[in-house]
PDB file of N, CA and C in Angstrom:
ATOM      1  N   MET A   1      -6.788  -7.437  -5.467  1.00  0.00           N
ATOM      2  CA  MET A   1      -6.902  -7.842  -7.080  1.00  0.00           C
ATOM      3  C   MET A   1      -5.150  -6.752  -8.121  1.00  0.00           C
ATOM      4  N   ILE A   2      -5.500  -7.735  -8.013  1.00  0.00           N
ATOM      5  CA  ILE A   2      -4.432  -7.167 -10.162  1.00  0.00           C
ATOM      6  C   ILE A   2      -5.112  -7.853 -10.305  1.00  0.00           C
ATOM      7  N   ASP A   3      -5.101  -6.978 -11.456  1.00  0.00           N
ATOM      8  CA  ASP A   3      -5.981  -7.467 -12.466  1.00  0.00           C
ATOM      9  C   ASP A   3      -6.675  -8.650 -12.785  1.00  0.00           C
ATOM     10  N   GLY A   4      -7.418  -8.904 -12.163  1.00  0.00           N
ATOM     11  CA  GLY A   4      -8.769  -9.623 -11.225  1.00  0.00           C
ATOM     12  C   GLY A   4      -9.031 -10.942 -11.182  1.00  0.00           C
ATOM     13  N   GLN A   5      -7.197 -10.771 -10.237  1.00  0.00           N
ATOM     14  CA  GLN A   5      -6.912 -12.023  -9.733  1.00  0.00           C
ATOM     15  C   GLN A   5      -5.401 -11.719  -8.727  1.00  0.00           C
ATOM     16  N   THR A   6      -6.368 -12.502  -7.420  1.00  0.00           N
ATOM     17  CA  THR A   6      -6.143 -12.018  -6.209  1.00  0.00           C
ATOM     18  C   THR A   6      -5.828 -12.339  -5.352  1.00  0.00           C
ATOM     19  N   ALA A   7      -3.988 -10.967  -5.132  1.00  0.00           N
ATOM     20  CA  ALA A   7      -2.768 -11.447  -4.776  1.00  0.00           C
ATOM     21  C   ALA A   7      -2.191 -10.749  -3.640  1.00  0.00           C
ATOM     22  N   ILE A   8      -2.002 -12.336  -3.223  1.00  0.00           N
ATOM     23  CA  ILE A   8      -1.224 -11.700  -0.757  1.00  0.00           C
ATOM     24  C   ILE A   8       0.002 -11.167  -0.445  1.00  0.00           C
ATOM     25  N   ILE A   9       0.404 -10.027  -0.833  1.00  0.00           N
ATOM     26  CA  ILE A   9       2.072  -9.681  -0.393  1.00  0.00           C
ATOM     27  C   ILE A   9       2.690 -10.264   0.863  1.00  0.00           C
ATOM     28  N   VAL A  10       3.155 -10.535   1.244  1.00  0.00           N
ATOM     29  CA  VAL A  10       3.533 -10.534   2.421  1.00  0.00           C
ATOM     30  C   VAL A  10       4.893 -10.086   2.291  1.00  0.00           C
ATOM     31  N   ALA A  11       5.270  -9.163   2.823  1.00  0.00           N
ATOM     32  CA  ALA A  11       6.477  -7.599   3.038  1.00  0.00           C
ATOM     33  C   ALA A  11       7.037  -8.350   3.293  1.00  0.00           C
ATOM     34  N   GLU A  12       6.930  -8.615   4.202  1.00  0.00           N
ATOM     35  CA  GLU A  12       8.489  -9.335   5.481  1.00  0.00           C
ATOM     36  C   GLU A  12       8.841  -9.956   5.184  1.00  0.00           C
ATOM     37  N   ARG A  13       8.133 -10.836   4.707  1.00  0.00           N
ATOM     38  CA  ARG A  13       8.961 -12.417   3.794  1.00  0.00           C
ATOM     39  C   ARG A  13       9.592 -11.951   1.840  1.00  0.00           C
ATOM     40  N   ARG A  14       9.081 -10.864   1.056  1.00  0.00           N
ATOM     41  CA  ARG A  14       9.093 -10.420   0.359  1.00  0.00           C
ATOM     42  C   ARG A  14       8.548 -11.155  -0.647  1.00  0.00           C
ATOM     43  N   GLN A  15       7.410 -11.249  -0.325  1.00  0.00           N
ATOM     44  CA  GLN A  15       6.768 -13.032  -1.003  1.00  0.00           C
ATOM     45  C   GLN A  15       5.238 -12.278  -1.654  1.00  0.00           C
ATOM     46  N   LEU A  16       5.649 -12.596  -3.202  1.00  0.00           N
ATOM     47  CA  LEU A  16       3.604 -12.841  -3.710  1.00  0.00           C
ATOM     48  C   LEU A  16       2.752 -13.751  -3.573  1.00  0.00           C
ATOM     49  N   HIS A  17       1.895 -13.898  -3.768  1.00  0.00           N
ATOM     50  CA  HIS A  17       0.989 -15.608  -3.812  1.00  0.00           C
ATOM     51  C   HIS A  17      -0.503 -15.151  -4.242  1.00  0.00           C
ATOM     52  N   SER A  18      -0.286 -15.390  -5.555  1.00  0.00           N
ATOM     53  CA  SER A  18      -1.214 -15.394  -6.419  1.00  0.00           C
ATOM     54  C   SER A  18      -2.432 -16.561  -6.066  1.00  0.00           C
ATOM     55  N   LEU A  19      -3.869 -16.234  -5.786  1.00  0.00           N
ATOM     56  CA  LEU A  19      -4.784 -17.223  -5.226  1.00  0.00           C
ATOM     57  C   LEU A  19      -5.650 -17.844  -6.522  1.00  0.00           C
ATOM     58  N   ASN A  20      -6.098 -19.268  -6.502  1.00  0.00           N
ATOM     59  CA  ASN A  20      -6.661 -19.491  -6.916  1.00  0.00           C
ATOM     60  C   ASN A  20      -7.975 -19.324  -6.846  1.00  0.00           C
ATOM     61  N   THR A  21      -9.236 -19.881  -7.117  1.00  0.00           N
ATOM     62  CA  THR A  21     -10.423 -19.151  -7.268  1.00  0.00           C
ATOM     63  C   THR A  21     -10.902 -19.785  -5.585  1.00  0.00           C
ATOM     64  N   THR A  22     -10.303 -20.687  -5.576  1.00  0.00           N
ATOM     65  CA  THR A  22     -11.922 -21.233  -4.279  1.00  0.00           C
ATOM     66  C   THR A  22     -11.327 -20.420  -3.363  1.00  0.00           C
ATOM     67  N   ALA A  23      -8.952 -20.931  -3.815  1.00  0.00           N
ATOM     68  CA  ALA A  23      -8.072 -19.716  -1.957  1.00  0.00           C
ATOM     69  C   ALA A  23      -8.741 -18.612  -2.125  1.00  0.00           C
ATOM     70  N   ALA A  24      -8.562 -18.042  -2.640  1.00  0.00           N
ATOM     71  CA  ALA A  24      -9.478 -16.084  -2.775  1.00  0.00           C
ATOM     72  C   ALA A  24     -10.715 -16.417  -2.122  1.00  0.00           C
ATOM     73  N   PHE A  25     -11.868 -17.710  -2.365  1.00  0.00           N
ATOM     74  CA  PHE A  25     -13.161 -17.927  -0.891  1.00  0.00           C
ATOM     75  C   PHE A  25     -12.209 -17.158  -0.420  1.00  0.00           C
ATOM     76  N   ILE A  26     -12.100 -18.362  -0.118  1.00  0.00           N
ATOM     77  CA  ILE A  26     -11.333 -18.248   1.684  1.00  0.00           C
ATOM     78  C   ILE A  26     -11.561 -17.141   1.917  1.00  0.00           C
ATOM     79  N   TRP A  27      -9.565 -17.114   1.225  1.00  0.00           N
ATOM     80  CA  TRP A  27      -8.402 -15.612   2.231  1.00  0.00           C
ATOM     81  C   TRP A  27     -10.315 -14.743   1.904  1.00  0.00           C
ATOM     82  N   GLU A  28     -11.421 -14.632   1.553  1.00  0.00           N
ATOM     83  CA  GLU A  28     -11.778 -13.675   1.180  1.00  0.00           C
ATOM     84  C   GLU A  28     -12.694 -12.907   2.725  1.00  0.00           C
ATOM     85  N   ARG A  29     -13.231 -15.002   3.149  1.00  0.00           N
ATOM     86  CA  ARG A  29     -13.834 -14.563   3.869  1.00  0.00           C
ATOM     87  C   ARG A  29     -13.032 -15.296   5.259  1.00  0.00           C
ATOM     88  N   ALA A  30     -11.686 -15.009   5.710  1.00  0.00           N
ATOM     89  CA  ALA A  30     -10.949 -15.631   7.294  1.00  0.00           C
ATOM     90  C   ALA A  30     -10.058 -14.834   7.580  1.00  0.00           C
ATOM     91  N   ASP A  31     -11.110 -14.209   8.488  1.00  0.00           N
ATOM     92  CA  ASP A  31     -11.475 -12.702   8.695  1.00  0.00           C
ATOM     93  C   ASP A  31     -11.178 -12.827  10.336  1.00  0.00           C
ATOM     94  N   GLY A  32     -10.815 -13.891  11.270  1.00  0.00           N
ATOM     95  CA  GLY A  32     -11.596 -14.791  11.828  1.00  0.00           C
ATOM     96  C   GLY A  32     -12.753 -14.729  13.018  1.00  0.00           C
ATOM     97  N   SER A  33     -13.360 -14.794  12.346  1.00  0.00           N
ATOM     98  CA  SER A  33     -15.357 -14.327  12.801  1.00  0.00           C
ATOM     99  C   SER A  33     -15.936 -15.250  12.826  1.00  0.00           C
ATOM    100  N   ARG A  34     -15.162 -15.908  11.703  1.00  0.00           N
ATOM    101  CA  ARG A  34     -15.454 -17.814  11.663  1.00  0.00           C
ATOM    102  C   ARG A  34     -14.657 -19.085  11.721  1.00  0.00           C
ATOM    103  N   THR A  35     -15.404 -19.822  12.414  1.00  0.00           N
ATOM    104  CA  THR A  35     -14.045 -21.606  12.735  1.00  0.00           C
ATOM    105  C   THR A  35     -13.950 -21.794  11.206  1.00  0.00           C
ATOM    106  N   LEU A  36     -13.010 -22.477  10.688  1.00  0.00           N
ATOM    107  CA  LEU A  36     -12.906 -23.925   9.352  1.00  0.00           C
ATOM    108  C   LEU A  36     -13.954 -24.647   9.155  1.00  0.00           C
ATOM    109  N   ALA A  37     -14.909 -24.737  10.111  1.00  0.00           N
ATOM    110  CA  ALA A  37     -15.948 -25.731   9.133  1.00  0.00           C
ATOM    111  C   ALA A  37     -17.248 -24.661   8.726  1.00  0.00           C
ATOM    112  N   GLN A  38     -17.030 -23.933   9.230  1.00  0.00           N
ATOM    113  CA  GLN A  38     -17.885 -22.084   8.812  1.00  0.00           C
ATOM    114  C   GLN A  38     -17.818 -22.657   7.257  1.00  0.00           C
ATOM    115  N   LEU A  39     -16.545 -22.233   7.091  1.00  0.00           N
ATOM    116  CA  LEU A  39     -15.514 -21.716   5.752  1.00  0.00           C
ATOM    117  C   LEU A  39     -16.407 -22.489   5.170  1.00  0.00           C
ATOM    118  N   ALA A  40     -16.162 -24.313   5.656  1.00  0.00           N
ATOM    119  CA  ALA A  40     -16.126 -24.934   4.317  1.00  0.00           C
ATOM    120  C   ALA A  40     -17.510 -25.735   4.099  1.00  0.00           C
ATOM    121  N   GLU A  41     -18.002 -25.368   5.262  1.00  0.00           N
ATOM    122  CA  GLU A  41     -20.312 -24.457   4.830  1.00  0.00           C
ATOM    123  C   GLU A  41     -20.163 -24.151   3.715  1.00  0.00           C
ATOM    124  N   GLU A  42     -19.843 -22.833   3.509  1.00  0.00           N
ATOM    125  CA  GLU A  42     -20.007 -21.485   3.563  1.00  0.00           C
ATOM    126  C   GLU A  42     -19.718 -22.162   1.573  1.00  0.00           C
ATOM    127  N   MET A  43     -19.040 -22.564   0.923  1.00  0.00           N
ATOM    128  CA  MET A  43     -17.588 -23.410   0.092  1.00  0.00           C
ATOM    129  C   MET A  43     -19.512 -23.923  -0.751  1.00  0.00           C
ATOM    130  N   LEU A  44     -20.137 -24.642  -0.186  1.00  0.00           N
ATOM    131  CA  LEU A  44     -21.166 -25.775  -0.417  1.00  0.00           C
ATOM    132  C   LEU A  44     -22.080 -24.739  -1.500  1.00  0.00           C
ATOM    133  N   PRO A  45     -23.065 -23.715  -1.487  1.00  0.00           N
ATOM    134  CA  PRO A  45     -23.357 -23.221  -2.334  1.00  0.00           C
ATOM    135  C   PRO A  45     -22.226 -22.456  -4.149  1.00  0.00           C
ATOM    136  N   HIS A  46     -21.201 -22.475  -3.847  1.00  0.00           N
ATOM    137  CA  HIS A  46     -20.313 -21.610  -4.147  1.00  0.00           C
ATOM    138  C   HIS A  46     -19.926 -22.374  -5.522  1.00  0.00           C
ATOM    139  N   PHE A  47     -19.572 -23.765  -5.214  1.00  0.00           N
ATOM    140  CA  PHE A  47     -18.246 -24.953  -5.581  1.00  0.00           C
ATOM    141  C   PHE A  47     -19.328 -26.184  -5.187  1.00  0.00           C
ATOM    142  N   GLU A  48     -18.772 -26.811  -6.400  1.00  0.00           N
ATOM    143  CA  GLU A  48     -19.776 -28.729  -6.830  1.00  0.00           C
ATOM    144  C   GLU A  48     -18.864 -29.168  -6.102  1.00  0.00           C
ATOM    145  N   VAL A  49     -18.667 -29.863  -4.292  1.00  0.00           N
ATOM    146  CA  VAL A  49     -18.349 -29.955  -3.782  1.00  0.00           C
ATOM    147  C   VAL A  49     -18.615 -30.606  -2.835  1.00  0.00           C
ATOM    148  N   GLU A  50     -18.404 -32.261  -2.064  1.00  0.00           N
ATOM    149  CA  GLU A  50     -18.503 -32.173  -1.262  1.00  0.00           C
ATOM    150  C   GLU A  50     -17.726 -31.386  -0.348  1.00  0.00           C
ATOM    151  N   LEU A  51     -19.232 -31.942   1.514  1.00  0.00           N
ATOM    152  CA  LEU A  51     -18.754 -30.654   2.583  1.00  0.00           C
ATOM    153  C   LEU A  51     -16.960 -31.537   2.984  1.00  0.00           C
ATOM    154  N   ALA A  52     -16.685 -33.385   2.614  1.00  0.00           N
ATOM    155  CA  ALA A  52     -15.187 -32.916   2.951  1.00  0.00           C
ATOM    156  C   ALA A  52     -14.529 -33.199   2.707  1.00  0.00           C
ATOM    157  N   THR A  53     -15.061 -31.949   0.938  1.00  0.00           N
ATOM    158  CA  THR A  53     -13.488 -31.472   0.004  1.00  0.00           C
ATOM    159  C   THR A  53     -13.522 -30.573   0.378  1.00  0.00           C
ATOM    160  N   ALA A  54     -14.055 -29.240   0.759  1.00  0.00           N
ATOM    161  CA  ALA A  54     -14.690 -28.085   1.169  1.00  0.00           C
ATOM    162  C   ALA A  54     -13.643 -28.306   2.146  1.00  0.00           C
ATOM    163  N   GLN A  55     -14.091 -29.499   3.153  1.00  0.00           N
ATOM    164  CA  GLN A  55     -13.062 -29.448   4.646  1.00  0.00           C
ATOM    165  C   GLN A  55     -11.878 -28.858   4.025  1.00  0.00           C
ATOM    166  N   ASP A  56     -11.280 -30.543   3.379  1.00  0.00           N
ATOM    167  CA  ASP A  56     -10.479 -29.965   3.221  1.00  0.00           C
ATOM    168  C   ASP A  56      -9.094 -29.169   2.516  1.00  0.00           C
ATOM    169  N   GLU A  57     -10.573 -28.894   1.548  1.00  0.00           N
ATOM    170  CA  GLU A  57      -9.365 -27.274   0.625  1.00  0.00           C
ATOM    171  C   GLU A  57      -9.423 -26.413   2.256  1.00  0.00           C
ATOM    172  N   VAL A  58     -10.026 -26.145   2.846  1.00  0.00           N
ATOM    173  CA  VAL A  58      -9.654 -25.148   3.797  1.00  0.00           C
ATOM    174  C   VAL A  58      -9.208 -25.152   5.051  1.00  0.00           C
ATOM    175  N   LEU A  59      -8.752 -26.469   5.203  1.00  0.00           N
ATOM    176  CA  LEU A  59      -7.342 -27.099   6.019  1.00  0.00           C
ATOM    177  C   LEU A  59      -6.528 -27.367   5.125  1.00  0.00           C
ATOM    178  N   SER A  60      -6.185 -27.427   4.399  1.00  0.00           N
ATOM    179  CA  SER A  60      -5.389 -27.170   2.683  1.00  0.00           C
ATOM    180  C   SER A  60      -4.814 -26.086   3.219  1.00  0.00           C
ATOM    181  N   PHE A  61      -5.868 -24.350   2.827  1.00  0.00           N
ATOM    182  CA  PHE A  61      -5.149 -23.375   2.571  1.00  0.00           C
ATOM    183  C   PHE A  61      -5.172 -22.695   3.620  1.00  0.00           C
ATOM    184  N   VAL A  62      -5.938 -23.510   4.278  1.00  0.00           N
ATOM    185  CA  VAL A  62      -5.648 -22.150   5.798  1.00  0.00           C
ATOM    186  C   VAL A  62      -3.215 -22.281   6.876  1.00  0.00           C
ATOM    187  N   LEU A  63      -3.471 -23.890   6.094  1.00  0.00           N
ATOM    188  CA  LEU A  63      -1.862 -24.468   6.678  1.00  0.00           C
ATOM    189  C   LEU A  63      -1.148 -23.415   5.730  1.00  0.00           C
ATOM    190  N   ALA A  64      -1.665 -23.707   4.799  1.00  0.00           N
ATOM    191  CA  ALA A  64      -0.416 -23.461   3.832  1.00  0.00           C
ATOM    192  C   ALA A  64      -0.375 -21.927   4.077  1.00  0.00           C
ATOM    193  N   ALA A  65      -0.786 -20.992   4.416  1.00  0.00           N
ATOM    194  CA  ALA A  65      -1.494 -19.846   4.118  1.00  0.00           C
ATOM    195  C   ALA A  65      -0.187 -19.241   6.000  1.00  0.00           C
ATOM    196  N   ILE A  66      -0.846 -20.511   6.866  1.00  0.00           N
ATOM    197  CA  ILE A  66       0.091 -19.994   7.834  1.00  0.00           C
ATOM    198  C   ILE A  66       1.706 -20.104   7.156  1.00  0.00           C
ATOM    199  N   GLN A  67       1.964 -21.074   7.228  1.00  0.00           N
ATOM    200  CA  GLN A  67       3.241 -21.302   6.743  1.00  0.00           C
ATOM    201  C   GLN A  67       3.602 -19.978   5.994  1.00  0.00           C
ATOM    202  N   ASN A  68       2.932 -19.942   5.291  1.00  0.00           N
ATOM    203  CA  ASN A  68       3.776 -18.898   4.174  1.00  0.00           C
ATOM    204  C   ASN A  68       3.565 -17.175   4.324  1.00  0.00           C
ATOM    205  N   GLY A  69       3.273 -17.188   5.941  1.00  0.00           N
ATOM    206  CA  GLY A  69       2.667 -16.126   6.662  1.00  0.00           C
ATOM    207  C   GLY A  69       1.876 -15.113   6.028  1.00  0.00           C
ATOM    208  N   MET A  70       0.728 -16.194   5.582  1.00  0.00           N
ATOM    209  CA  MET A  70      -0.257 -14.742   5.454  1.00  0.00           C
ATOM    210  C   MET A  70      -0.918 -14.556   6.124  1.00  0.00           C
ATOM    211  N   LEU A  71      -1.351 -16.043   7.348  1.00  0.00           N
ATOM    212  CA  LEU A  71      -1.724 -16.340   8.305  1.00  0.00           C
ATOM    213  C   LEU A  71      -2.092 -16.051   9.564  1.00  0.00           C
ATOM    214  N   VAL A  72      -2.038 -15.545  10.417  1.00  0.00           N
ATOM    215  CA  VAL A  72      -1.130 -15.350  11.823  1.00  0.00           C
ATOM    216  C   VAL A  72      -2.233 -16.082  13.095  1.00  0.00           C
ATOM    217  N   VAL A  73      -1.945 -17.817  13.831  1.00  0.00           N
ATOM    218  CA  VAL A  73      -2.915 -17.903  14.261  1.00  0.00           C
ATOM    219  C   VAL A  73      -3.118 -17.578  15.897  1.00  0.00           C
ATOM    220  N   GLU A  74      -4.159 -16.292  16.107  1.00  0.00           N
ATOM    221  CA  GLU A  74      -4.634 -16.383  17.285  1.00  0.00           C
ATOM    222  C   GLU A  74      -5.647 -17.186  18.401  1.00  0.00           C
ATOM    223  N   MET A  75      -4.866 -17.971  19.085  1.00  0.00           N
ATOM    224  CA  MET A  75      -5.015 -19.243  20.248  1.00  0.00           C
ATOM    225  C   MET A  75      -5.974 -18.766  21.318  1.00  0.00           C
ATOM    226  N   THR A  76      -7.297 -18.641  20.840  1.00  0.00           N
ATOM    227  CA  THR A  76      -8.480 -18.183  22.063  1.00  0.00           C
ATOM    228  C   THR A  76      -9.212 -18.657  23.029  1.00  0.00           C
ATOM    229  N   GLY A  77      -8.967 -19.840  22.685  1.00  0.00           N
ATOM    230  CA  GLY A  77      -9.689 -21.695  23.628  1.00  0.00           C
ATOM    231  C   GLY A  77      -9.979 -22.479  22.442  1.00  0.00           C
ATOM    232  N   ALA A  78      -9.850 -23.791  22.814  1.00  0.00           N
ATOM    233  CA  ALA A  78      -9.819 -25.437  21.802  1.00  0.00           C
ATOM    234  C   ALA A  78     -11.780 -25.603  21.466  1.00  0.00           C
ATOM    235  N   ARG A  79     -11.614 -25.460  19.881  1.00  0.00           N
ATOM    236  CA  ARG A  79     -12.704 -25.868  19.704  1.00  0.00           C
ATOM    237  C   ARG A  79     -12.716 -27.406  18.598  1.00  0.00           C
ATOM    238  N   ALA A  80     -13.492 -28.047  18.691  1.00  0.00           N
ATOM    239  CA  ALA A  80     -13.329 -29.494  17.566  1.00  0.00           C
ATOM    240  C   ALA A  80     -14.227 -28.652  16.439  1.00  0.00           C
ATOM    241  N   ILE A  81     -13.547 -28.605  15.157  1.00  0.00           N
ATOM    242  CA  ILE A  81     -13.831 -27.884  14.133  1.00  0.00           C
ATOM    243  C   ILE A  81     -14.835 -28.614  12.945  1.00  0.00           C
TER     244      ILE A  81
END
C-alpha cells in the first residue's frame, strides 16, 4: 500500500499499477486457493452488486492482471467457473 492505495509493481516491465477498491479486494484474495466464481461470491457482502456483475468484475480484473504481468496462471485442470 502506498498512502492508503493498493499498488502493484511489476518489476520486469517497470510498471506501477494503482488498484481501485474492487480490484484491490480481488487482488488480496487472488492467491490461487479460490476459483473465479468463489472470488465473485466473496464480493457480494462487501459491494452492492449482483452476482453477474461481480463475476464480470472478477473476470475483467483477472484478464487485465494476466495481460499486465501481475498474475500468472498455472493450469492444473479445467473447471467451469
